[in-house]
Amino acid sequence: MARILVRDDDLVVRLSWRERAAAHRGTVRVPLTTVRRVTVEPDWWRALRGVALHGVWIPGVLSAGTRGHAGGQDFVALRPAGPVVCVELRPTAPFDFLAVSVPGDAQAAAEGLRRSAPDIDASTAWRQPLPVAEETETSWRALDMYRKR
């Protein structure tokens, strides 16, 4: 299972070797200054947004990789057992959202991230909905082109 760590001034998602192979990438690293909100989602499948871009998606077994949507990209490393730590990021981060199944207590992992991040939005403990862009005739074509990269 993936682990969420704080190293220096970065939030690091360290993937297991299976997750690295499935996601087609190594460690995910984002600056702590880009962390906007940290929540825990009790149902792993609710953390999935958009369409699969890169990675492996085996229903009920593993979801690991990058997902795209009208708002940008998310990175997920999810297993169907247990809650998920969800990290909303500011626009300067390489992803909009990180969703990670962690071993042990997800609430404790989320609380540790909240203490480490310098400018967290604590106005609500709930994850904010994905903004929906206005649909136009070309918006789906643009998403499809984005998916083929």
N, C-alpha and C. Protein backbone atom coordinates (compact mmCIF):
# COMPACT_ATOMS: atom_id res chain seq x y z
N MET A 1 0.83 -1.19 0.00
CA MET A 1 0.00 0.00 0.00
C MET A 1 0.87 1.25 0.00
N ALA A 2 0.31 2.30 -0.55
CA ALA A 2 1.02 3.57 -0.62
C ALA A 2 1.12 4.20 0.77
N ARG A 3 2.11 5.05 0.93
CA ARG A 3 2.29 5.78 2.18
C ARG A 3 2.38 7.27 1.86
N ILE A 4 1.80 8.07 2.73
CA ILE A 4 1.90 9.52 2.60
C ILE A 4 2.87 10.01 3.65
N LEU A 5 3.91 10.71 3.21
CA LEU A 5 4.97 11.19 4.11
C LEU A 5 5.19 12.67 3.90
N VAL A 6 5.78 13.32 4.87
CA VAL A 6 6.22 14.70 4.74
C VAL A 6 7.73 14.68 4.82
N ARG A 7 8.37 15.10 3.74
CA ARG A 7 9.83 15.16 3.66
C ARG A 7 10.24 16.58 3.32
N ASP A 8 10.98 17.19 4.20
CA ASP A 8 11.39 18.59 4.04
C ASP A 8 10.12 19.44 3.87
N ASP A 9 9.99 20.11 2.75
CA ASP A 9 8.81 20.95 2.50
C ASP A 9 7.88 20.33 1.46
N ASP A 10 7.91 19.01 1.33
CA ASP A 10 7.10 18.33 0.32
C ASP A 10 6.21 17.27 0.93
N LEU A 11 5.07 17.08 0.31
CA LEU A 11 4.21 15.94 0.59
C LEU A 11 4.61 14.86 -0.41
N VAL A 12 4.92 13.68 0.07
CA VAL A 12 5.41 12.60 -0.78
C VAL A 12 4.47 11.41 -0.67
N VAL A 13 4.03 10.92 -1.82
CA VAL A 13 3.25 9.68 -1.87
C VAL A 13 4.20 8.61 -2.37
N ARG A 14 4.59 7.72 -1.46
CA ARG A 14 5.51 6.64 -1.81
C ARG A 14 4.67 5.39 -2.12
N LEU A 15 4.76 4.94 -3.35
CA LEU A 15 3.97 3.81 -3.82
C LEU A 15 4.70 2.51 -3.59
N SER A 16 3.93 1.43 -3.39
CA SER A 16 4.53 0.10 -3.33
C SER A 16 5.01 -0.26 -4.74
N TRP A 17 5.80 -1.29 -4.88
CA TRP A 17 6.32 -1.64 -6.20
C TRP A 17 5.19 -2.03 -7.14
N ARG A 18 4.15 -2.67 -6.65
CA ARG A 18 3.01 -3.02 -7.50
C ARG A 18 2.27 -1.77 -7.97
N GLU A 19 2.10 -0.83 -7.07
CA GLU A 19 1.41 0.42 -7.43
C GLU A 19 2.25 1.24 -8.40
N ARG A 20 3.57 1.23 -8.23
CA ARG A 20 4.45 1.94 -9.18
C ARG A 20 4.32 1.36 -10.57
N ALA A 21 4.29 0.04 -10.65
CA ALA A 21 4.13 -0.61 -11.95
C ALA A 21 2.76 -0.31 -12.55
N ALA A 22 1.73 -0.33 -11.73
CA ALA A 22 0.37 -0.08 -12.22
C ALA A 22 0.18 1.37 -12.63
N ALA A 23 0.70 2.31 -11.86
CA ALA A 23 0.50 3.74 -12.14
C ALA A 23 1.45 4.27 -13.21
N HIS A 24 2.46 3.49 -13.57
CA HIS A 24 3.46 3.91 -14.55
C HIS A 24 4.22 5.15 -14.09
N ARG A 25 4.48 5.23 -12.80
CA ARG A 25 5.27 6.33 -12.27
C ARG A 25 5.82 5.95 -10.91
N GLY A 26 6.82 6.66 -10.48
CA GLY A 26 7.41 6.40 -9.18
C GLY A 26 6.73 7.22 -8.11
N THR A 27 7.50 7.83 -7.28
CA THR A 27 7.00 8.63 -6.18
C THR A 27 6.33 9.90 -6.68
N VAL A 28 5.24 10.29 -6.04
CA VAL A 28 4.56 11.56 -6.34
C VAL A 28 4.97 12.55 -5.26
N ARG A 29 5.43 13.72 -5.69
CA ARG A 29 5.92 14.73 -4.75
C ARG A 29 5.30 16.08 -5.11
N VAL A 30 4.68 16.72 -4.10
CA VAL A 30 4.12 18.06 -4.29
C VAL A 30 4.53 18.93 -3.11
N PRO A 31 4.73 20.22 -3.32
CA PRO A 31 5.09 21.11 -2.21
C PRO A 31 3.96 21.20 -1.18
N LEU A 32 4.31 21.23 0.10
CA LEU A 32 3.30 21.37 1.15
C LEU A 32 2.52 22.67 1.04
N THR A 33 3.13 23.69 0.45
CA THR A 33 2.44 24.97 0.30
C THR A 33 1.26 24.88 -0.66
N THR A 34 1.20 23.83 -1.48
CA THR A 34 0.08 23.68 -2.42
C THR A 34 -1.08 22.89 -1.84
N VAL A 35 -0.93 22.36 -0.63
CA VAL A 35 -2.01 21.59 -0.01
C VAL A 35 -3.08 22.56 0.48
N ARG A 36 -4.29 22.39 -0.02
CA ARG A 36 -5.39 23.27 0.35
C ARG A 36 -6.29 22.65 1.42
N ARG A 37 -6.62 21.38 1.27
CA ARG A 37 -7.53 20.72 2.21
C ARG A 37 -7.19 19.24 2.26
N VAL A 38 -7.29 18.64 3.46
CA VAL A 38 -7.07 17.21 3.64
C VAL A 38 -8.32 16.64 4.30
N THR A 39 -8.90 15.62 3.67
CA THR A 39 -10.10 14.98 4.20
C THR A 39 -9.93 13.46 4.13
N VAL A 40 -10.84 12.76 4.76
CA VAL A 40 -10.86 11.30 4.68
C VAL A 40 -12.20 10.88 4.08
N GLU A 41 -12.14 10.10 3.03
CA GLU A 41 -13.33 9.59 2.36
C GLU A 41 -13.53 8.14 2.80
N PRO A 42 -14.65 7.82 3.45
CA PRO A 42 -14.83 6.45 3.94
C PRO A 42 -15.01 5.42 2.82
N ASP A 43 -15.52 5.83 1.68
CA ASP A 43 -15.74 4.92 0.56
C ASP A 43 -14.73 5.22 -0.54
N TRP A 44 -13.85 4.27 -0.84
CA TRP A 44 -12.76 4.49 -1.79
C TRP A 44 -13.26 4.91 -3.16
N TRP A 45 -14.36 4.37 -3.63
CA TRP A 45 -14.83 4.64 -4.99
C TRP A 45 -15.34 6.07 -5.14
N ARG A 46 -15.68 6.72 -4.05
CA ARG A 46 -16.14 8.12 -4.13
C ARG A 46 -14.99 9.08 -4.40
N ALA A 47 -13.78 8.63 -4.24
CA ALA A 47 -12.61 9.48 -4.49
C ALA A 47 -12.24 9.52 -5.98
N LEU A 48 -12.83 8.65 -6.78
CA LEU A 48 -12.52 8.62 -8.21
C LEU A 48 -13.29 9.71 -8.94
N ARG A 49 -12.58 10.49 -9.75
CA ARG A 49 -13.22 11.53 -10.55
C ARG A 49 -12.68 11.44 -11.97
N GLY A 50 -13.47 11.79 -12.94
CA GLY A 50 -13.02 11.87 -14.32
C GLY A 50 -12.82 10.52 -14.97
N VAL A 51 -11.97 10.51 -16.00
CA VAL A 51 -11.70 9.31 -16.79
C VAL A 51 -10.25 8.89 -16.62
N ALA A 52 -10.00 7.61 -16.78
CA ALA A 52 -8.64 7.08 -16.64
C ALA A 52 -7.77 7.57 -17.79
N LEU A 53 -6.58 8.09 -17.45
CA LEU A 53 -5.62 8.52 -18.47
C LEU A 53 -4.45 7.54 -18.55
N HIS A 54 -3.75 7.37 -17.43
CA HIS A 54 -2.59 6.48 -17.37
C HIS A 54 -2.72 5.64 -16.11
N GLY A 55 -2.44 4.37 -16.23
CA GLY A 55 -2.47 3.52 -15.04
C GLY A 55 -3.28 2.27 -15.25
N VAL A 56 -3.61 1.63 -14.14
CA VAL A 56 -4.36 0.37 -14.16
C VAL A 56 -5.62 0.56 -13.34
N TRP A 57 -6.74 0.07 -13.88
CA TRP A 57 -8.03 0.20 -13.22
C TRP A 57 -8.69 -1.17 -13.23
N ILE A 58 -8.56 -1.89 -12.14
CA ILE A 58 -9.17 -3.22 -12.00
C ILE A 58 -10.28 -3.08 -10.97
N PRO A 59 -11.55 -3.11 -11.41
CA PRO A 59 -12.66 -2.89 -10.49
C PRO A 59 -12.61 -3.83 -9.28
N GLY A 60 -12.73 -3.24 -8.10
CA GLY A 60 -12.74 -4.00 -6.86
C GLY A 60 -11.38 -4.50 -6.40
N VAL A 61 -10.30 -4.19 -7.15
CA VAL A 61 -8.97 -4.68 -6.79
C VAL A 61 -7.98 -3.52 -6.60
N LEU A 62 -7.83 -2.69 -7.63
CA LEU A 62 -6.81 -1.64 -7.61
C LEU A 62 -7.15 -0.55 -8.61
N SER A 63 -6.98 0.68 -8.20
CA SER A 63 -7.06 1.84 -9.09
C SER A 63 -5.82 2.67 -8.82
N ALA A 64 -4.93 2.74 -9.80
CA ALA A 64 -3.68 3.47 -9.60
C ALA A 64 -3.30 4.19 -10.88
N GLY A 65 -3.06 5.49 -10.77
CA GLY A 65 -2.63 6.25 -11.93
C GLY A 65 -3.24 7.63 -11.97
N THR A 66 -3.25 8.19 -13.16
CA THR A 66 -3.71 9.56 -13.39
C THR A 66 -5.09 9.53 -14.02
N ARG A 67 -5.97 10.39 -13.53
CA ARG A 67 -7.32 10.53 -14.08
C ARG A 67 -7.49 11.98 -14.53
N GLY A 68 -8.17 12.16 -15.65
CA GLY A 68 -8.39 13.50 -16.19
C GLY A 68 -9.86 13.89 -16.14
N HIS A 69 -10.09 15.18 -15.97
CA HIS A 69 -11.44 15.72 -15.97
C HIS A 69 -11.35 17.17 -16.43
N ALA A 70 -12.48 17.82 -16.57
CA ALA A 70 -12.50 19.19 -17.09
C ALA A 70 -11.69 20.15 -16.22
N GLY A 71 -11.54 19.86 -14.94
CA GLY A 71 -10.78 20.73 -14.04
C GLY A 71 -9.29 20.48 -14.05
N GLY A 72 -8.82 19.37 -14.60
CA GLY A 72 -7.39 19.06 -14.62
C GLY A 72 -7.12 17.59 -14.45
N GLN A 73 -6.15 17.24 -13.61
CA GLN A 73 -5.76 15.85 -13.39
C GLN A 73 -5.72 15.51 -11.91
N ASP A 74 -6.06 14.26 -11.61
CA ASP A 74 -5.97 13.71 -10.26
C ASP A 74 -5.01 12.54 -10.28
N PHE A 75 -4.36 12.28 -9.15
CA PHE A 75 -3.57 11.06 -9.01
C PHE A 75 -4.21 10.22 -7.92
N VAL A 76 -4.44 8.94 -8.22
CA VAL A 76 -5.05 8.04 -7.24
C VAL A 76 -4.21 6.78 -7.09
N ALA A 77 -4.19 6.26 -5.88
CA ALA A 77 -3.60 4.95 -5.56
C ALA A 77 -4.55 4.33 -4.55
N LEU A 78 -5.55 3.62 -5.05
CA LEU A 78 -6.66 3.16 -4.22
C LEU A 78 -6.79 1.65 -4.21
N ARG A 79 -7.11 1.15 -3.04
CA ARG A 79 -7.48 -0.25 -2.86
C ARG A 79 -8.86 -0.25 -2.23
N PRO A 80 -9.68 -1.26 -2.51
CA PRO A 80 -11.07 -1.22 -2.06
C PRO A 80 -11.30 -1.38 -0.56
N ALA A 81 -10.31 -1.74 0.19
CA ALA A 81 -10.51 -1.93 1.64
C ALA A 81 -10.17 -0.65 2.39
N GLY A 82 -11.10 -0.13 3.14
CA GLY A 82 -10.82 0.98 4.04
C GLY A 82 -10.97 2.35 3.45
N PRO A 83 -10.85 3.36 4.32
CA PRO A 83 -11.00 4.75 3.91
C PRO A 83 -9.79 5.26 3.13
N VAL A 84 -9.97 6.44 2.54
CA VAL A 84 -8.97 7.03 1.65
C VAL A 84 -8.63 8.43 2.14
N VAL A 85 -7.35 8.77 2.15
CA VAL A 85 -6.92 10.13 2.45
C VAL A 85 -6.99 10.92 1.14
N CYS A 86 -7.76 12.01 1.16
CA CYS A 86 -7.95 12.86 -0.02
C CYS A 86 -7.28 14.20 0.24
N VAL A 87 -6.43 14.63 -0.71
CA VAL A 87 -5.70 15.88 -0.57
C VAL A 87 -6.05 16.77 -1.76
N GLU A 88 -6.73 17.88 -1.47
CA GLU A 88 -7.03 18.87 -2.51
C GLU A 88 -5.85 19.81 -2.59
N LEU A 89 -5.44 20.12 -3.83
CA LEU A 89 -4.25 20.94 -4.04
C LEU A 89 -4.60 22.25 -4.74
N ARG A 90 -3.74 23.23 -4.58
CA ARG A 90 -3.92 24.52 -5.24
C ARG A 90 -3.52 24.42 -6.70
N PRO A 91 -3.93 25.39 -7.52
CA PRO A 91 -3.66 25.33 -8.97
C PRO A 91 -2.19 25.24 -9.37
N THR A 92 -1.27 25.63 -8.51
CA THR A 92 0.16 25.58 -8.87
C THR A 92 0.75 24.17 -8.76
N ALA A 93 0.00 23.23 -8.20
CA ALA A 93 0.49 21.85 -8.03
C ALA A 93 0.36 21.08 -9.35
N PRO A 94 1.14 20.01 -9.50
CA PRO A 94 1.06 19.22 -10.74
C PRO A 94 -0.26 18.46 -10.87
N PHE A 95 -0.97 18.23 -9.77
CA PHE A 95 -2.28 17.59 -9.79
C PHE A 95 -3.27 18.48 -9.05
N ASP A 96 -4.55 18.24 -9.29
CA ASP A 96 -5.60 18.96 -8.57
C ASP A 96 -5.97 18.25 -7.28
N PHE A 97 -5.74 16.93 -7.25
CA PHE A 97 -6.28 16.12 -6.18
C PHE A 97 -5.45 14.85 -6.07
N LEU A 98 -5.18 14.41 -4.85
CA LEU A 98 -4.54 13.14 -4.59
C LEU A 98 -5.48 12.31 -3.73
N ALA A 99 -5.68 11.05 -4.09
CA ALA A 99 -6.49 10.13 -3.29
C ALA A 99 -5.66 8.88 -3.07
N VAL A 100 -5.39 8.55 -1.80
CA VAL A 100 -4.47 7.47 -1.49
C VAL A 100 -5.03 6.59 -0.38
N SER A 101 -5.08 5.28 -0.63
CA SER A 101 -5.39 4.31 0.42
C SER A 101 -4.12 4.09 1.21
N VAL A 102 -4.17 4.30 2.50
CA VAL A 102 -2.98 4.17 3.34
C VAL A 102 -3.17 3.02 4.32
N PRO A 103 -2.08 2.36 4.71
CA PRO A 103 -2.20 1.32 5.73
C PRO A 103 -2.45 1.96 7.09
N GLY A 104 -3.19 1.29 7.91
CA GLY A 104 -3.43 1.81 9.26
C GLY A 104 -4.55 2.82 9.31
N ASP A 105 -4.41 3.79 10.20
CA ASP A 105 -5.46 4.76 10.48
C ASP A 105 -5.40 5.94 9.51
N ALA A 106 -6.39 6.03 8.62
CA ALA A 106 -6.44 7.12 7.64
C ALA A 106 -6.67 8.47 8.33
N GLN A 107 -7.46 8.48 9.40
CA GLN A 107 -7.71 9.74 10.13
C GLN A 107 -6.42 10.29 10.72
N ALA A 108 -5.59 9.41 11.27
CA ALA A 108 -4.32 9.84 11.86
C ALA A 108 -3.38 10.38 10.78
N ALA A 109 -3.35 9.72 9.62
CA ALA A 109 -2.51 10.19 8.52
C ALA A 109 -2.98 11.56 8.04
N ALA A 110 -4.29 11.74 7.93
CA ALA A 110 -4.84 13.03 7.49
C ALA A 110 -4.54 14.12 8.52
N GLU A 111 -4.66 13.80 9.78
CA GLU A 111 -4.38 14.79 10.83
C GLU A 111 -2.91 15.20 10.82
N GLY A 112 -2.01 14.25 10.59
CA GLY A 112 -0.59 14.58 10.48
C GLY A 112 -0.31 15.52 9.32
N LEU A 113 -0.98 15.30 8.20
CA LEU A 113 -0.82 16.21 7.05
C LEU A 113 -1.37 17.59 7.36
N ARG A 114 -2.50 17.64 8.03
CA ARG A 114 -3.09 18.94 8.38
C ARG A 114 -2.15 19.76 9.26
N ARG A 115 -1.48 19.10 10.19
CA ARG A 115 -0.54 19.80 11.07
C ARG A 115 0.70 20.27 10.31
N SER A 116 1.10 19.52 9.28
CA SER A 116 2.33 19.84 8.55
C SER A 116 2.14 20.91 7.49
N ALA A 117 0.95 20.98 6.90
CA ALA A 117 0.71 21.94 5.82
C ALA A 117 0.57 23.35 6.40
N PRO A 118 1.24 24.34 5.82
CA PRO A 118 1.26 25.68 6.41
C PRO A 118 -0.03 26.48 6.24
N ASP A 119 -0.77 26.28 5.17
CA ASP A 119 -1.91 27.14 4.89
C ASP A 119 -3.11 26.30 4.47
N ILE A 120 -3.62 25.54 5.42
CA ILE A 120 -4.72 24.61 5.12
C ILE A 120 -6.06 25.34 5.28
N ASP A 121 -7.01 25.00 4.44
CA ASP A 121 -8.36 25.56 4.53
C ASP A 121 -9.16 24.67 5.47
N ALA A 122 -9.44 25.16 6.67
CA ALA A 122 -10.17 24.37 7.67
C ALA A 122 -11.62 24.82 7.78
N SER A 123 -12.12 25.53 6.77
CA SER A 123 -13.48 26.04 6.83
C SER A 123 -14.51 24.92 6.82
N THR A 124 -14.20 23.80 6.20
CA THR A 124 -15.10 22.66 6.19
C THR A 124 -14.28 21.38 6.17
N ALA A 125 -14.80 20.38 6.81
CA ALA A 125 -14.09 19.09 6.84
C ALA A 125 -14.45 18.22 5.65
N TRP A 126 -15.30 18.73 4.78
CA TRP A 126 -15.77 17.94 3.64
C TRP A 126 -15.05 18.32 2.37
N ARG A 127 -14.88 17.34 1.52
CA ARG A 127 -14.26 17.56 0.22
C ARG A 127 -15.19 18.39 -0.65
N GLN A 128 -14.63 19.32 -1.37
CA GLN A 128 -15.42 20.20 -2.22
C GLN A 128 -15.73 19.52 -3.55
N PRO A 129 -16.90 19.81 -4.14
CA PRO A 129 -17.24 19.18 -5.41
C PRO A 129 -16.35 19.68 -6.53
N LEU A 130 -16.21 18.84 -7.52
CA LEU A 130 -15.43 19.18 -8.70
C LEU A 130 -16.16 20.25 -9.49
N PRO A 131 -15.51 21.36 -9.83
CA PRO A 131 -16.20 22.36 -10.64
C PRO A 131 -16.49 21.80 -12.02
N VAL A 132 -17.67 22.07 -12.50
CA VAL A 132 -18.07 21.56 -13.80
C VAL A 132 -17.94 22.68 -14.81
N ALA A 133 -17.13 22.44 -15.82
CA ALA A 133 -16.95 23.44 -16.87
C ALA A 133 -18.18 23.44 -17.78
N GLU A 134 -18.40 24.57 -18.39
CA GLU A 134 -19.52 24.67 -19.31
C GLU A 134 -19.28 23.74 -20.50
N GLU A 135 -20.27 22.95 -20.81
CA GLU A 135 -20.13 22.00 -21.91
C GLU A 135 -20.40 22.70 -23.24
N THR A 136 -19.47 22.52 -24.15
CA THR A 136 -19.63 23.07 -25.49
C THR A 136 -19.49 21.95 -26.50
N GLU A 137 -19.63 22.28 -27.74
CA GLU A 137 -19.52 21.27 -28.79
C GLU A 137 -18.13 20.66 -28.84
N THR A 138 -17.12 21.44 -28.49
CA THR A 138 -15.74 20.96 -28.60
C THR A 138 -15.15 20.48 -27.27
N SER A 139 -15.87 20.62 -26.17
CA SER A 139 -15.28 20.26 -24.88
C SER A 139 -14.98 18.77 -24.78
N TRP A 140 -15.82 17.93 -25.32
CA TRP A 140 -15.55 16.49 -25.27
C TRP A 140 -14.40 16.11 -26.18
N ARG A 141 -14.30 16.79 -27.30
CA ARG A 141 -13.15 16.52 -28.19
C ARG A 141 -11.85 16.92 -27.52
N ALA A 142 -11.86 18.02 -26.81
CA ALA A 142 -10.66 18.47 -26.10
C ALA A 142 -10.26 17.47 -25.03
N LEU A 143 -11.23 16.94 -24.29
CA LEU A 143 -10.93 15.93 -23.27
C LEU A 143 -10.39 14.67 -23.93
N ASP A 144 -10.95 14.28 -25.07
CA ASP A 144 -10.48 13.08 -25.76
C ASP A 144 -9.05 13.27 -26.26
N MET A 145 -8.72 14.47 -26.77
CA MET A 145 -7.34 14.75 -27.20
C MET A 145 -6.41 14.71 -26.01
N TYR A 146 -6.86 15.24 -24.89
CA TYR A 146 -6.08 15.24 -23.66
C TYR A 146 -5.80 13.83 -23.20
N ARG A 147 -6.75 12.96 -23.37
CA ARG A 147 -6.65 11.57 -22.96
C ARG A 147 -5.64 10.79 -23.79
N LYS A 148 -5.48 11.17 -25.07
CA LYS A 148 -4.59 10.44 -25.98
C LYS A 148 -3.12 10.82 -25.81
N ARG A 149 -2.83 11.83 -24.98
CA ARG A 149 -1.43 12.23 -24.79
C ARG A 149 -0.61 11.17 -24.13
